[in-house]
Amino acid sequence: MDYTNFNSLQILLLCGSAIALCVWQLRAVQRSRRQQVVVRAAPQLQRRGRTAARRR
């Protein structure tokens, strides 16, 4: 492998790993936001369940 090919491979791996890190972080943020929405909705769901039980 000559020097040009080696540099090309290094650049490709560096950019690929940076993009992979960004995608991983975006997925982690999305998962975190989804969990926050579920936690915020949980008390509302419990309240609805209690009022529905009282109506019966």
PDB file of N, CA and C in Angstrom:
ATOM      1  N   MET A   1       0.855  -1.165   0.000  1.00  0.00           N
ATOM      2  CA  MET A   1       0.000   0.000   0.000  1.00  0.00           C
ATOM      3  C   MET A   1       0.904   1.232   0.000  1.00  0.00           C
ATOM      4  N   ASP A   2       0.641   2.101  -0.938  1.00  0.00           N
ATOM      5  CA  ASP A   2       1.468   3.295  -1.002  1.00  0.00           C
ATOM      6  C   ASP A   2       0.900   4.406  -0.111  1.00  0.00           C
ATOM      7  N   TYR A   3       1.613   5.469  -0.016  1.00  0.00           N
ATOM      8  CA  TYR A   3       1.300   6.550   0.922  1.00  0.00           C
ATOM      9  C   TYR A   3      -0.035   7.219   0.591  1.00  0.00           C
ATOM     10  N   THR A   4      -0.352   7.393  -0.688  1.00  0.00           N
ATOM     11  CA  THR A   4      -1.603   8.041  -1.095  1.00  0.00           C
ATOM     12  C   THR A   4      -2.808   7.211  -0.668  1.00  0.00           C
ATOM     13  N   ASN A   5      -2.733   5.914  -0.891  1.00  0.00           N
ATOM     14  CA  ASN A   5      -3.830   5.032  -0.481  1.00  0.00           C
ATOM     15  C   ASN A   5      -3.984   5.026   1.037  1.00  0.00           C
ATOM     16  N   PHE A   6      -2.875   5.029   1.733  1.00  0.00           N
ATOM     17  CA  PHE A   6      -2.923   5.025   3.197  1.00  0.00           C
ATOM     18  C   PHE A   6      -3.572   6.308   3.720  1.00  0.00           C
ATOM     19  N   ASN A   7      -3.224   7.457   3.151  1.00  0.00           N
ATOM     20  CA  ASN A   7      -3.838   8.724   3.563  1.00  0.00           C
ATOM     21  C   ASN A   7      -5.325   8.729   3.253  1.00  0.00           C
ATOM     22  N   SER A   8      -5.702   8.216   2.107  1.00  0.00           N
ATOM     23  CA  SER A   8      -7.123   8.150   1.740  1.00  0.00           C
ATOM     24  C   SER A   8      -7.885   7.282   2.728  1.00  0.00           C
ATOM     25  N   LEU A   9      -7.309   6.176   3.114  1.00  0.00           N
ATOM     26  CA  LEU A   9      -7.948   5.283   4.073  1.00  0.00           C
ATOM     27  C   LEU A   9      -8.071   5.957   5.439  1.00  0.00           C
ATOM     28  N   GLN A  10      -7.049   6.675   5.855  1.00  0.00           N
ATOM     29  CA  GLN A  10      -7.111   7.399   7.129  1.00  0.00           C
ATOM     30  C   GLN A  10      -8.210   8.453   7.124  1.00  0.00           C
ATOM     31  N   ILE A  11      -8.317   9.211   6.046  1.00  0.00           N
ATOM     32  CA  ILE A  11      -9.351  10.249   5.940  1.00  0.00           C
ATOM     33  C   ILE A  11     -10.734   9.614   5.957  1.00  0.00           C
ATOM     34  N   LEU A  12     -10.896   8.529   5.210  1.00  0.00           N
ATOM     35  CA  LEU A  12     -12.179   7.836   5.172  1.00  0.00           C
ATOM     36  C   LEU A  12     -12.572   7.318   6.553  1.00  0.00           C
ATOM     37  N   LEU A  13     -11.644   6.724   7.262  1.00  0.00           N
ATOM     38  CA  LEU A  13     -11.943   6.200   8.599  1.00  0.00           C
ATOM     39  C   LEU A  13     -12.224   7.323   9.593  1.00  0.00           C
ATOM     40  N   LEU A  14     -11.486   8.424   9.495  1.00  0.00           N
ATOM     41  CA  LEU A  14     -11.707   9.552  10.394  1.00  0.00           C
ATOM     42  C   LEU A  14     -13.094  10.151  10.174  1.00  0.00           C
ATOM     43  N   CYS A  15     -13.446  10.419   8.925  1.00  0.00           N
ATOM     44  CA  CYS A  15     -14.764  10.999   8.625  1.00  0.00           C
ATOM     45  C   CYS A  15     -15.877  10.011   8.951  1.00  0.00           C
ATOM     46  N   GLY A  16     -15.670   8.755   8.658  1.00  0.00           N
ATOM     47  CA  GLY A  16     -16.680   7.735   8.949  1.00  0.00           C
ATOM     48  C   GLY A  16     -16.937   7.600  10.434  1.00  0.00           C
ATOM     49  N   SER A  17     -15.879   7.636  11.220  1.00  0.00           N
ATOM     50  CA  SER A  17     -16.069   7.512  12.668  1.00  0.00           C
ATOM     51  C   SER A  17     -16.748   8.763  13.232  1.00  0.00           C
ATOM     52  N   ALA A  18     -16.450   9.944  12.681  1.00  0.00           N
ATOM     53  CA  ALA A  18     -17.108  11.176  13.138  1.00  0.00           C
ATOM     54  C   ALA A  18     -18.598  11.138  12.809  1.00  0.00           C
ATOM     55  N   ILE A  19     -18.947  10.687  11.625  1.00  0.00           N
ATOM     56  CA  ILE A  19     -20.354  10.589  11.232  1.00  0.00           C
ATOM     57  C   ILE A  19     -21.069   9.548  12.089  1.00  0.00           C
ATOM     58  N   ALA A  20     -20.417   8.427  12.337  1.00  0.00           N
ATOM     59  CA  ALA A  20     -21.021   7.393  13.180  1.00  0.00           C
ATOM     60  C   ALA A  20     -21.261   7.918  14.593  1.00  0.00           C
ATOM     61  N   LEU A  21     -20.341   8.691  15.120  1.00  0.00           N
ATOM     62  CA  LEU A  21     -20.513   9.277  16.451  1.00  0.00           C
ATOM     63  C   LEU A  21     -21.698  10.242  16.473  1.00  0.00           C
ATOM     64  N   CYS A  22     -21.821  11.058  15.435  1.00  0.00           N
ATOM     65  CA  CYS A  22     -22.950  12.003  15.352  1.00  0.00           C
ATOM     66  C   CYS A  22     -24.280  11.266  15.287  1.00  0.00           C
ATOM     67  N   VAL A  23     -24.366  10.238  14.483  1.00  0.00           N
ATOM     68  CA  VAL A  23     -25.604   9.458  14.375  1.00  0.00           C
ATOM     69  C   VAL A  23     -25.938   8.815  15.706  1.00  0.00           C
ATOM     70  N   TRP A  24     -24.945   8.273  16.377  1.00  0.00           N
ATOM     71  CA  TRP A  24     -25.159   7.640  17.677  1.00  0.00           C
ATOM     72  C   TRP A  24     -25.689   8.649  18.699  1.00  0.00           C
ATOM     73  N   GLN A  25     -25.107   9.847  18.698  1.00  0.00           N
ATOM     74  CA  GLN A  25     -25.555  10.884  19.625  1.00  0.00           C
ATOM     75  C   GLN A  25     -26.973  11.350  19.314  1.00  0.00           C
ATOM     76  N   LEU A  26     -27.303  11.491  18.041  1.00  0.00           N
ATOM     77  CA  LEU A  26     -28.659  11.883  17.670  1.00  0.00           C
ATOM     78  C   LEU A  26     -29.682  10.851  18.110  1.00  0.00           C
ATOM     79  N   ARG A  27     -29.358   9.585  17.949  1.00  0.00           N
ATOM     80  CA  ARG A  27     -30.274   8.523  18.383  1.00  0.00           C
ATOM     81  C   ARG A  27     -30.428   8.527  19.905  1.00  0.00           C
ATOM     82  N   ALA A  28     -29.349   8.790  20.617  1.00  0.00           N
ATOM     83  CA  ALA A  28     -29.421   8.846  22.081  1.00  0.00           C
ATOM     84  C   ALA A  28     -30.292  10.013  22.537  1.00  0.00           C
ATOM     85  N   VAL A  29     -30.175  11.155  21.871  1.00  0.00           N
ATOM     86  CA  VAL A  29     -31.001  12.314  22.224  1.00  0.00           C
ATOM     87  C   VAL A  29     -32.469  12.028  21.924  1.00  0.00           C
ATOM     88  N   GLN A  30     -32.746  11.418  20.796  1.00  0.00           N
ATOM     89  CA  GLN A  30     -34.128  11.074  20.450  1.00  0.00           C
ATOM     90  C   GLN A  30     -34.721  10.108  21.472  1.00  0.00           C
ATOM     91  N   ARG A  31     -33.953   9.116  21.870  1.00  0.00           N
ATOM     92  CA  ARG A  31     -34.426   8.145  22.861  1.00  0.00           C
ATOM     93  C   ARG A  31     -34.694   8.838  24.192  1.00  0.00           C
ATOM     94  N   SER A  32     -33.812   9.751  24.570  1.00  0.00           N
ATOM     95  CA  SER A  32     -33.989  10.478  25.820  1.00  0.00           C
ATOM     96  C   SER A  32     -35.244  11.340  25.784  1.00  0.00           C
ATOM     97  N   ARG A  33     -35.481  12.017  24.675  1.00  0.00           N
ATOM     98  CA  ARG A  33     -36.679  12.854  24.549  1.00  0.00           C
ATOM     99  C   ARG A  33     -37.945  12.008  24.592  1.00  0.00           C
ATOM    100  N   ARG A  34     -37.914  10.846  23.937  1.00  0.00           N
ATOM    101  CA  ARG A  34     -39.078   9.955  23.970  1.00  0.00           C
ATOM    102  C   ARG A  34     -39.372   9.503  25.388  1.00  0.00           C
ATOM    103  N   GLN A  35     -38.339   9.198  26.154  1.00  0.00           N
ATOM    104  CA  GLN A  35     -38.531   8.768  27.536  1.00  0.00           C
ATOM    105  C   GLN A  35     -39.086   9.904  28.377  1.00  0.00           C
ATOM    106  N   GLN A  36     -38.663  11.128  28.140  1.00  0.00           N
ATOM    107  CA  GLN A  36     -39.183  12.276  28.880  1.00  0.00           C
ATOM    108  C   GLN A  36     -40.655  12.485  28.582  1.00  0.00           C
ATOM    109  N   VAL A  37     -41.058  12.288  27.344  1.00  0.00           N
ATOM    110  CA  VAL A  37     -42.464  12.443  26.971  1.00  0.00           C
ATOM    111  C   VAL A  37     -43.301  11.394  27.681  1.00  0.00           C
ATOM    112  N   VAL A  38     -42.810  10.179  27.747  1.00  0.00           N
ATOM    113  CA  VAL A  38     -43.538   9.103  28.418  1.00  0.00           C
ATOM    114  C   VAL A  38     -43.658   9.405  29.902  1.00  0.00           C
ATOM    115  N   VAL A  39     -42.594   9.896  30.516  1.00  0.00           N
ATOM    116  CA  VAL A  39     -42.622  10.216  31.948  1.00  0.00           C
ATOM    117  C   VAL A  39     -43.593  11.356  32.210  1.00  0.00           C
ATOM    118  N   ARG A  40     -43.606  12.346  31.337  1.00  0.00           N
ATOM    119  CA  ARG A  40     -44.533  13.474  31.517  1.00  0.00           C
ATOM    120  C   ARG A  40     -45.977  13.038  31.307  1.00  0.00           C
ATOM    121  N   ALA A  41     -46.208  12.100  30.407  1.00  0.00           N
ATOM    122  CA  ALA A  41     -47.566  11.647  30.116  1.00  0.00           C
ATOM    123  C   ALA A  41     -48.074  10.671  31.174  1.00  0.00           C
ATOM    124  N   ALA A  42     -47.187  10.027  31.897  1.00  0.00           N
ATOM    125  CA  ALA A  42     -47.588   9.010  32.868  1.00  0.00           C
ATOM    126  C   ALA A  42     -48.510   9.569  33.948  1.00  0.00           C
ATOM    127  N   PRO A  43     -48.234  10.694  34.579  1.00  0.00           N
ATOM    128  CA  PRO A  43     -49.169  11.214  35.585  1.00  0.00           C
ATOM    129  C   PRO A  43     -50.534  11.539  34.992  1.00  0.00           C
ATOM    130  N   GLN A  44     -50.563  12.029  33.776  1.00  0.00           N
ATOM    131  CA  GLN A  44     -51.831  12.324  33.122  1.00  0.00           C
ATOM    132  C   GLN A  44     -52.624  11.048  32.884  1.00  0.00           C
ATOM    133  N   LEU A  45     -51.930  10.004  32.489  1.00  0.00           N
ATOM    134  CA  LEU A  45     -52.608   8.738  32.268  1.00  0.00           C
ATOM    135  C   LEU A  45     -53.141   8.182  33.575  1.00  0.00           C
ATOM    136  N   GLN A  46     -52.384   8.335  34.657  1.00  0.00           N
ATOM    137  CA  GLN A  46     -52.848   7.857  35.950  1.00  0.00           C
ATOM    138  C   GLN A  46     -54.067   8.650  36.397  1.00  0.00           C
ATOM    139  N   ARG A  47     -54.067   9.946  36.174  1.00  0.00           N
ATOM    140  CA  ARG A  47     -55.223  10.773  36.555  1.00  0.00           C
ATOM    141  C   ARG A  47     -56.452  10.362  35.773  1.00  0.00           C
ATOM    142  N   ARG A  48     -56.279  10.117  34.491  1.00  0.00           N
ATOM    143  CA  ARG A  48     -57.411   9.696  33.667  1.00  0.00           C
ATOM    144  C   ARG A  48     -57.961   8.359  34.152  1.00  0.00           C
ATOM    145  N   GLY A  49     -57.060   7.476  34.531  1.00  0.00           N
ATOM    146  CA  GLY A  49     -57.494   6.170  35.033  1.00  0.00           C
ATOM    147  C   GLY A  49     -58.275   6.299  36.314  1.00  0.00           C
ATOM    148  N   ARG A  50     -57.878   7.181  37.191  1.00  0.00           N
ATOM    149  CA  ARG A  50     -58.574   7.383  38.470  1.00  0.00           C
ATOM    150  C   ARG A  50     -59.954   7.993  38.245  1.00  0.00           C
ATOM    151  N   THR A  51     -60.046   8.972  37.350  1.00  0.00           N
ATOM    152  CA  THR A  51     -61.346   9.596  37.116  1.00  0.00           C
ATOM    153  C   THR A  51     -62.272   8.625  36.414  1.00  0.00           C
ATOM    154  N   ALA A  52     -61.733   7.797  35.539  1.00  0.00           N
ATOM    155  CA  ALA A  52     -62.575   6.802  34.864  1.00  0.00           C
ATOM    156  C   ALA A  52     -63.083   5.783  35.880  1.00  0.00           C
ATOM    157  N   ALA A  53     -62.250   5.441  36.862  1.00  0.00           N
ATOM    158  CA  ALA A  53     -62.663   4.483  37.889  1.00  0.00           C
ATOM    159  C   ALA A  53     -63.744   5.086  38.777  1.00  0.00           C
ATOM    160  N   ARG A  54     -63.667   6.383  39.033  1.00  0.00           N
ATOM    161  CA  ARG A  54     -64.677   7.047  39.871  1.00  0.00           C
ATOM    162  C   ARG A  54     -66.028   7.126  39.168  1.00  0.00           C
ATOM    163  N   ARG A  55     -65.986   7.281  37.854  1.00  0.00           N
ATOM    164  CA  ARG A  55     -67.229   7.394  37.096  1.00  0.00           C
ATOM    165  C   ARG A  55     -68.035   6.104  37.105  1.00  0.00           C
ATOM    166  N   ARG A  56     -67.374   4.990  37.229  1.00  0.00           N
ATOM    167  CA  ARG A  56     -68.061   3.689  37.184  1.00  0.00           C
ATOM    168  C   ARG A  56     -68.847   3.485  38.403  1.00  0.00           C
TER     169      ARG A  56
END
